[in-house]
Amino acid sequence: MATVVRLTRAGRKKRPFYRIVVTDSRKRRDGGYIESIGYYNPMTEPETIKFDAERLEYWKSVGAKLSDRVERITK
């Protein structure tokens, strides 16, 4: 199974809120996920980013790929 760490959208219309999740790469963007490891809220000033760095490192160590956006916001 190819796992990927990516964003899944939540929130309402024109007020996005994203969860940082680990999922199977073949699932849809908002489909089921294996584990939720944090969130990203671009609507606050400054943007709110909270994630479990320990779990992110674990998933990277077992071969999960990071999406471009997740890689950029978790630096």
PDB file of N, CA and C in Angstrom:
ATOM      1  N   MET A   1       0.850  -1.181   0.000  1.00  0.00           N
ATOM      2  CA  MET A   1       0.000   0.000   0.000  1.00  0.00           C
ATOM      3  C   MET A   1       0.895   1.243   0.000  1.00  0.00           C
ATOM      4  N   ALA A   2       0.646   2.142  -0.924  1.00  0.00           N
ATOM      5  CA  ALA A   2       1.400   3.393  -1.003  1.00  0.00           C
ATOM      6  C   ALA A   2       0.701   4.443  -0.144  1.00  0.00           C
ATOM      7  N   THR A   3       1.380   4.862   0.916  1.00  0.00           N
ATOM      8  CA  THR A   3       0.773   5.856   1.804  1.00  0.00           C
ATOM      9  C   THR A   3       1.320   7.242   1.488  1.00  0.00           C
ATOM     10  N   VAL A   4       0.486   8.228   1.739  1.00  0.00           N
ATOM     11  CA  VAL A   4       0.854   9.610   1.480  1.00  0.00           C
ATOM     12  C   VAL A   4       0.297  10.484   2.603  1.00  0.00           C
ATOM     13  N   VAL A   5       1.067  11.519   2.962  1.00  0.00           N
ATOM     14  CA  VAL A   5       0.617  12.496   3.954  1.00  0.00           C
ATOM     15  C   VAL A   5       0.151  13.698   3.160  1.00  0.00           C
ATOM     16  N   ARG A   6      -1.125  14.029   3.284  1.00  0.00           N
ATOM     17  CA  ARG A   6      -1.686  15.128   2.505  1.00  0.00           C
ATOM     18  C   ARG A   6      -2.782  15.843   3.276  1.00  0.00           C
ATOM     19  N   LEU A   7      -3.316  16.909   2.649  1.00  0.00           N
ATOM     20  CA  LEU A   7      -4.379  17.689   3.263  1.00  0.00           C
ATOM     21  C   LEU A   7      -5.738  17.168   2.818  1.00  0.00           C
ATOM     22  N   THR A   8      -6.687  17.182   3.729  1.00  0.00           N
ATOM     23  CA  THR A   8      -8.072  16.885   3.390  1.00  0.00           C
ATOM     24  C   THR A   8      -8.895  18.088   3.841  1.00  0.00           C
ATOM     25  N   ARG A   9      -9.803  18.518   2.992  1.00  0.00           N
ATOM     26  CA  ARG A   9     -10.540  19.748   3.252  1.00  0.00           C
ATOM     27  C   ARG A   9     -11.724  19.527   4.189  1.00  0.00           C
ATOM     28  N   ALA A  10     -11.893  20.485   5.081  1.00  0.00           N
ATOM     29  CA  ALA A  10     -13.050  20.525   5.970  1.00  0.00           C
ATOM     30  C   ALA A  10     -13.502  21.985   5.986  1.00  0.00           C
ATOM     31  N   GLY A  11     -14.409  22.319   6.848  1.00  0.00           N
ATOM     32  CA  GLY A  11     -14.880  23.699   6.901  1.00  0.00           C
ATOM     33  C   GLY A  11     -16.037  23.909   5.947  1.00  0.00           C
ATOM     34  N   ARG A  12     -16.514  25.139   5.896  1.00  0.00           N
ATOM     35  CA  ARG A  12     -17.669  25.393   5.043  1.00  0.00           C
ATOM     36  C   ARG A  12     -17.262  26.153   3.786  1.00  0.00           C
ATOM     37  N   LYS A  13     -18.220  26.493   2.997  1.00  0.00           N
ATOM     38  CA  LYS A  13     -17.987  27.178   1.735  1.00  0.00           C
ATOM     39  C   LYS A  13     -17.239  28.495   1.945  1.00  0.00           C
ATOM     40  N   LYS A  14     -16.169  28.666   1.207  1.00  0.00           N
ATOM     41  CA  LYS A  14     -15.314  29.862   1.245  1.00  0.00           C
ATOM     42  C   LYS A  14     -14.619  30.084   2.581  1.00  0.00           C
ATOM     43  N   ARG A  15     -14.623  29.097   3.460  1.00  0.00           N
ATOM     44  CA  ARG A  15     -13.928  29.151   4.747  1.00  0.00           C
ATOM     45  C   ARG A  15     -13.175  27.836   4.940  1.00  0.00           C
ATOM     46  N   PRO A  16     -12.128  27.583   4.142  1.00  0.00           N
ATOM     47  CA  PRO A  16     -11.464  26.281   4.201  1.00  0.00           C
ATOM     48  C   PRO A  16     -10.700  26.051   5.504  1.00  0.00           C
ATOM     49  N   PHE A  17     -10.644  24.807   5.868  1.00  0.00           N
ATOM     50  CA  PHE A  17      -9.904  24.322   7.021  1.00  0.00           C
ATOM     51  C   PHE A  17      -9.395  22.956   6.599  1.00  0.00           C
ATOM     52  N   TYR A  18      -8.149  22.664   6.823  1.00  0.00           N
ATOM     53  CA  TYR A  18      -7.576  21.411   6.326  1.00  0.00           C
ATOM     54  C   TYR A  18      -7.043  20.561   7.463  1.00  0.00           C
ATOM     55  N   ARG A  19      -7.226  19.252   7.348  1.00  0.00           N
ATOM     56  CA  ARG A  19      -6.616  18.296   8.268  1.00  0.00           C
ATOM     57  C   ARG A  19      -5.403  17.697   7.561  1.00  0.00           C
ATOM     58  N   ILE A  20      -4.344  17.467   8.304  1.00  0.00           N
ATOM     59  CA  ILE A  20      -3.170  16.789   7.767  1.00  0.00           C
ATOM     60  C   ILE A  20      -3.351  15.315   8.116  1.00  0.00           C
ATOM     61  N   VAL A  21      -3.493  14.476   7.090  1.00  0.00           N
ATOM     62  CA  VAL A  21      -3.823  13.075   7.306  1.00  0.00           C
ATOM     63  C   VAL A  21      -2.871  12.152   6.556  1.00  0.00           C
ATOM     64  N   VAL A  22      -2.789  10.922   7.046  1.00  0.00           N
ATOM     65  CA  VAL A  22      -2.054   9.854   6.369  1.00  0.00           C
ATOM     66  C   VAL A  22      -3.105   8.966   5.725  1.00  0.00           C
ATOM     67  N   THR A  23      -2.969   8.729   4.430  1.00  0.00           N
ATOM     68  CA  THR A  23      -3.979   7.963   3.713  1.00  0.00           C
ATOM     69  C   THR A  23      -3.343   7.123   2.611  1.00  0.00           C
ATOM     70  N   ASP A  24      -4.108   6.215   2.078  1.00  0.00           N
ATOM     71  CA  ASP A  24      -3.709   5.439   0.906  1.00  0.00           C
ATOM     72  C   ASP A  24      -3.746   6.394  -0.288  1.00  0.00           C
ATOM     73  N   SER A  25      -2.735   6.360  -1.116  1.00  0.00           N
ATOM     74  CA  SER A  25      -2.637   7.311  -2.223  1.00  0.00           C
ATOM     75  C   SER A  25      -3.750   7.153  -3.249  1.00  0.00           C
ATOM     76  N   ARG A  26      -4.427   6.010  -3.264  1.00  0.00           N
ATOM     77  CA  ARG A  26      -5.492   5.781  -4.241  1.00  0.00           C
ATOM     78  C   ARG A  26      -6.848   6.321  -3.795  1.00  0.00           C
ATOM     79  N   LYS A  27      -6.949   6.739  -2.544  1.00  0.00           N
ATOM     80  CA  LYS A  27      -8.223   7.278  -2.043  1.00  0.00           C
ATOM     81  C   LYS A  27      -8.453   8.695  -2.534  1.00  0.00           C
ATOM     82  N   ARG A  28      -9.728   9.115  -2.543  1.00  0.00           N
ATOM     83  CA  ARG A  28     -10.065  10.488  -2.913  1.00  0.00           C
ATOM     84  C   ARG A  28      -9.565  11.463  -1.849  1.00  0.00           C
ATOM     85  N   ARG A  29      -9.544  12.749  -2.207  1.00  0.00           N
ATOM     86  CA  ARG A  29      -9.022  13.772  -1.302  1.00  0.00           C
ATOM     87  C   ARG A  29      -9.714  13.733   0.064  1.00  0.00           C
ATOM     88  N   ASP A  30     -11.035  13.652   0.071  1.00  0.00           N
ATOM     89  CA  ASP A  30     -11.780  13.667   1.329  1.00  0.00           C
ATOM     90  C   ASP A  30     -12.270  12.285   1.730  1.00  0.00           C
ATOM     91  N   GLY A  31     -11.668  11.242   1.155  1.00  0.00           N
ATOM     92  CA  GLY A  31     -12.055   9.875   1.503  1.00  0.00           C
ATOM     93  C   GLY A  31     -11.535   9.509   2.883  1.00  0.00           C
ATOM     94  N   GLY A  32     -11.632   8.237   3.221  1.00  0.00           N
ATOM     95  CA  GLY A  32     -11.175   7.787   4.531  1.00  0.00           C
ATOM     96  C   GLY A  32      -9.670   7.931   4.672  1.00  0.00           C
ATOM     97  N   TYR A  33      -9.194   7.937   5.898  1.00  0.00           N
ATOM     98  CA  TYR A  33      -7.766   8.068   6.145  1.00  0.00           C
ATOM     99  C   TYR A  33      -7.335   7.132   7.262  1.00  0.00           C
ATOM    100  N   ILE A  34      -6.039   6.886   7.340  1.00  0.00           N
ATOM    101  CA  ILE A  34      -5.474   5.991   8.345  1.00  0.00           C
ATOM    102  C   ILE A  34      -5.327   6.713   9.674  1.00  0.00           C
ATOM    103  N   GLU A  35      -4.758   7.925   9.632  1.00  0.00           N
ATOM    104  CA  GLU A  35      -4.519   8.680  10.861  1.00  0.00           C
ATOM    105  C   GLU A  35      -4.512  10.170  10.564  1.00  0.00           C
ATOM    106  N   SER A  36      -5.091  10.945  11.461  1.00  0.00           N
ATOM    107  CA  SER A  36      -5.048  12.405  11.367  1.00  0.00           C
ATOM    108  C   SER A  36      -3.931  12.874  12.295  1.00  0.00           C
ATOM    109  N   ILE A  37      -2.970  13.636  11.751  1.00  0.00           N
ATOM    110  CA  ILE A  37      -1.818  14.027  12.565  1.00  0.00           C
ATOM    111  C   ILE A  37      -1.738  15.531  12.822  1.00  0.00           C
ATOM    112  N   GLY A  38      -2.719  16.289  12.330  1.00  0.00           N
ATOM    113  CA  GLY A  38      -2.696  17.717  12.602  1.00  0.00           C
ATOM    114  C   GLY A  38      -3.708  18.476  11.772  1.00  0.00           C
ATOM    115  N   TYR A  39      -3.578  19.811  11.788  1.00  0.00           N
ATOM    116  CA  TYR A  39      -4.479  20.637  10.996  1.00  0.00           C
ATOM    117  C   TYR A  39      -3.770  21.888  10.518  1.00  0.00           C
ATOM    118  N   TYR A  40      -4.381  22.540   9.529  1.00  0.00           N
ATOM    119  CA  TYR A  40      -3.858  23.769   8.926  1.00  0.00           C
ATOM    120  C   TYR A  40      -5.045  24.673   8.649  1.00  0.00           C
ATOM    121  N   ASN A  41      -5.003  25.900   9.197  1.00  0.00           N
ATOM    122  CA  ASN A  41      -6.082  26.857   8.998  1.00  0.00           C
ATOM    123  C   ASN A  41      -5.517  28.105   8.324  1.00  0.00           C
ATOM    124  N   PRO A  42      -5.724  28.251   7.003  1.00  0.00           N
ATOM    125  CA  PRO A  42      -5.174  29.402   6.293  1.00  0.00           C
ATOM    126  C   PRO A  42      -5.972  30.690   6.497  1.00  0.00           C
ATOM    127  N   MET A  43      -7.128  30.628   7.140  1.00  0.00           N
ATOM    128  CA  MET A  43      -8.002  31.788   7.276  1.00  0.00           C
ATOM    129  C   MET A  43      -7.669  32.680   8.473  1.00  0.00           C
ATOM    130  N   THR A  44      -6.868  32.203   9.396  1.00  0.00           N
ATOM    131  CA  THR A  44      -6.498  33.024  10.546  1.00  0.00           C
ATOM    132  C   THR A  44      -5.285  33.882  10.198  1.00  0.00           C
ATOM    133  N   GLU A  45      -5.056  34.899  10.973  1.00  0.00           N
ATOM    134  CA  GLU A  45      -3.901  35.771  10.742  1.00  0.00           C
ATOM    135  C   GLU A  45      -3.036  35.762  11.985  1.00  0.00           C
ATOM    136  N   PRO A  46      -1.858  35.184  12.016  1.00  0.00           N
ATOM    137  CA  PRO A  46      -1.212  34.422  10.951  1.00  0.00           C
ATOM    138  C   PRO A  46      -1.822  33.031  10.810  1.00  0.00           C
ATOM    139  N   GLU A  47      -1.469  32.346   9.732  1.00  0.00           N
ATOM    140  CA  GLU A  47      -2.013  31.002   9.485  1.00  0.00           C
ATOM    141  C   GLU A  47      -1.683  30.072  10.649  1.00  0.00           C
ATOM    142  N   THR A  48      -2.646  29.227  11.027  1.00  0.00           N
ATOM    143  CA  THR A  48      -2.462  28.291  12.128  1.00  0.00           C
ATOM    144  C   THR A  48      -2.077  26.927  11.581  1.00  0.00           C
ATOM    145  N   ILE A  49      -0.954  26.416  12.056  1.00  0.00           N
ATOM    146  CA  ILE A  49      -0.495  25.090  11.652  1.00  0.00           C
ATOM    147  C   ILE A  49      -0.133  24.333  12.915  1.00  0.00           C
ATOM    148  N   LYS A  50      -0.762  23.189  13.131  1.00  0.00           N
ATOM    149  CA  LYS A  50      -0.448  22.366  14.289  1.00  0.00           C
ATOM    150  C   LYS A  50      -0.406  20.918  13.837  1.00  0.00           C
ATOM    151  N   PHE A  51       0.695  20.239  14.116  1.00  0.00           N
ATOM    152  CA  PHE A  51       0.804  18.830  13.747  1.00  0.00           C
ATOM    153  C   PHE A  51       1.734  18.127  14.722  1.00  0.00           C
ATOM    154  N   ASP A  52       1.603  16.816  14.778  1.00  0.00           N
ATOM    155  CA  ASP A  52       2.413  15.974  15.650  1.00  0.00           C
ATOM    156  C   ASP A  52       3.683  15.596  14.887  1.00  0.00           C
ATOM    157  N   ALA A  53       4.784  16.282  15.184  1.00  0.00           N
ATOM    158  CA  ALA A  53       6.041  16.067  14.457  1.00  0.00           C
ATOM    159  C   ALA A  53       6.561  14.641  14.638  1.00  0.00           C
ATOM    160  N   GLU A  54       6.331  14.069  15.805  1.00  0.00           N
ATOM    161  CA  GLU A  54       6.798  12.707  16.064  1.00  0.00           C
ATOM    162  C   GLU A  54       6.099  11.707  15.139  1.00  0.00           C
ATOM    163  N   ARG A  55       4.781  11.853  14.991  1.00  0.00           N
ATOM    164  CA  ARG A  55       4.037  10.950  14.101  1.00  0.00           C
ATOM    165  C   ARG A  55       4.394  11.187  12.642  1.00  0.00           C
ATOM    166  N   LEU A  56       4.648  12.440  12.266  1.00  0.00           N
ATOM    167  CA  LEU A  56       5.057  12.751  10.898  1.00  0.00           C
ATOM    168  C   LEU A  56       6.386  12.071  10.584  1.00  0.00           C
ATOM    169  N   GLU A  57       7.327  12.134  11.501  1.00  0.00           N
ATOM    170  CA  GLU A  57       8.625  11.475  11.292  1.00  0.00           C
ATOM    171  C   GLU A  57       8.460   9.962  11.211  1.00  0.00           C
ATOM    172  N   TYR A  58       7.568   9.402  12.038  1.00  0.00           N
ATOM    173  CA  TYR A  58       7.321   7.965  11.971  1.00  0.00           C
ATOM    174  C   TYR A  58       6.825   7.558  10.590  1.00  0.00           C
ATOM    175  N   TRP A  59       5.823   8.268  10.075  1.00  0.00           N
ATOM    176  CA  TRP A  59       5.258   7.912   8.772  1.00  0.00           C
ATOM    177  C   TRP A  59       6.268   8.100   7.660  1.00  0.00           C
ATOM    178  N   LYS A  60       7.107   9.127   7.758  1.00  0.00           N
ATOM    179  CA  LYS A  60       8.159   9.301   6.757  1.00  0.00           C
ATOM    180  C   LYS A  60       9.160   8.146   6.820  1.00  0.00           C
ATOM    181  N   SER A  61       9.452   7.674   8.032  1.00  0.00           N
ATOM    182  CA  SER A  61      10.428   6.590   8.196  1.00  0.00           C
ATOM    183  C   SER A  61       9.925   5.259   7.644  1.00  0.00           C
ATOM    184  N   VAL A  62       8.626   5.065   7.609  1.00  0.00           N
ATOM    185  CA  VAL A  62       8.094   3.809   7.066  1.00  0.00           C
ATOM    186  C   VAL A  62       7.712   3.936   5.595  1.00  0.00           C
ATOM    187  N   GLY A  63       8.078   5.063   4.965  1.00  0.00           N
ATOM    188  CA  GLY A  63       7.936   5.181   3.519  1.00  0.00           C
ATOM    189  C   GLY A  63       6.802   6.025   2.992  1.00  0.00           C
ATOM    190  N   ALA A  64       6.091   6.736   3.852  1.00  0.00           N
ATOM    191  CA  ALA A  64       4.999   7.585   3.373  1.00  0.00           C
ATOM    192  C   ALA A  64       5.580   8.808   2.666  1.00  0.00           C
ATOM    193  N   LYS A  65       4.982   9.176   1.546  1.00  0.00           N
ATOM    194  CA  LYS A  65       5.404  10.367   0.804  1.00  0.00           C
ATOM    195  C   LYS A  65       4.607  11.562   1.310  1.00  0.00           C
ATOM    196  N   LEU A  66       5.217  12.745   1.260  1.00  0.00           N
ATOM    197  CA  LEU A  66       4.529  13.979   1.639  1.00  0.00           C
ATOM    198  C   LEU A  66       4.080  14.699   0.375  1.00  0.00           C
ATOM    199  N   SER A  67       2.867  15.240   0.402  1.00  0.00           N
ATOM    200  CA  SER A  67       2.417  16.042  -0.723  1.00  0.00           C
ATOM    201  C   SER A  67       3.229  17.334  -0.736  1.00  0.00           C
ATOM    202  N   ASP A  68       3.229  18.032  -1.864  1.00  0.00           N
ATOM    203  CA  ASP A  68       3.999  19.275  -1.974  1.00  0.00           C
ATOM    204  C   ASP A  68       3.588  20.288  -0.920  1.00  0.00           C
ATOM    205  N   ARG A  69       2.294  20.457  -0.742  1.00  0.00           N
ATOM    206  CA  ARG A  69       1.778  21.449   0.202  1.00  0.00           C
ATOM    207  C   ARG A  69       2.158  21.074   1.638  1.00  0.00           C
ATOM    208  N   VAL A  70       1.999  19.815   2.016  1.00  0.00           N
ATOM    209  CA  VAL A  70       2.340  19.386   3.380  1.00  0.00           C
ATOM    210  C   VAL A  70       3.832  19.559   3.626  1.00  0.00           C
ATOM    211  N   GLU A  71       4.638  19.230   2.642  1.00  0.00           N
ATOM    212  CA  GLU A  71       6.076  19.398   2.792  1.00  0.00           C
ATOM    213  C   GLU A  71       6.430  20.866   3.023  1.00  0.00           C
ATOM    214  N   ARG A  72       5.746  21.761   2.330  1.00  0.00           N
ATOM    215  CA  ARG A  72       6.015  23.184   2.457  1.00  0.00           C
ATOM    216  C   ARG A  72       5.569  23.741   3.806  1.00  0.00           C
ATOM    217  N   ILE A  73       4.404  23.331   4.304  1.00  0.00           N
ATOM    218  CA  ILE A  73       3.908  23.928   5.553  1.00  0.00           C
ATOM    219  C   ILE A  73       4.480  23.291   6.818  1.00  0.00           C
ATOM    220  N   THR A  74       5.097  22.114   6.713  1.00  0.00           N
ATOM    221  CA  THR A  74       5.635  21.452   7.911  1.00  0.00           C
ATOM    222  C   THR A  74       7.124  21.696   8.115  1.00  0.00           C
ATOM    223  N   LYS A  75       7.728  22.535   7.318  1.00  0.00           N
ATOM    224  CA  LYS A  75       9.162  22.819   7.490  1.00  0.00           C
ATOM    225  C   LYS A  75       9.420  23.622   8.741  1.00  0.00           C
TER     226      LYS A  75
END
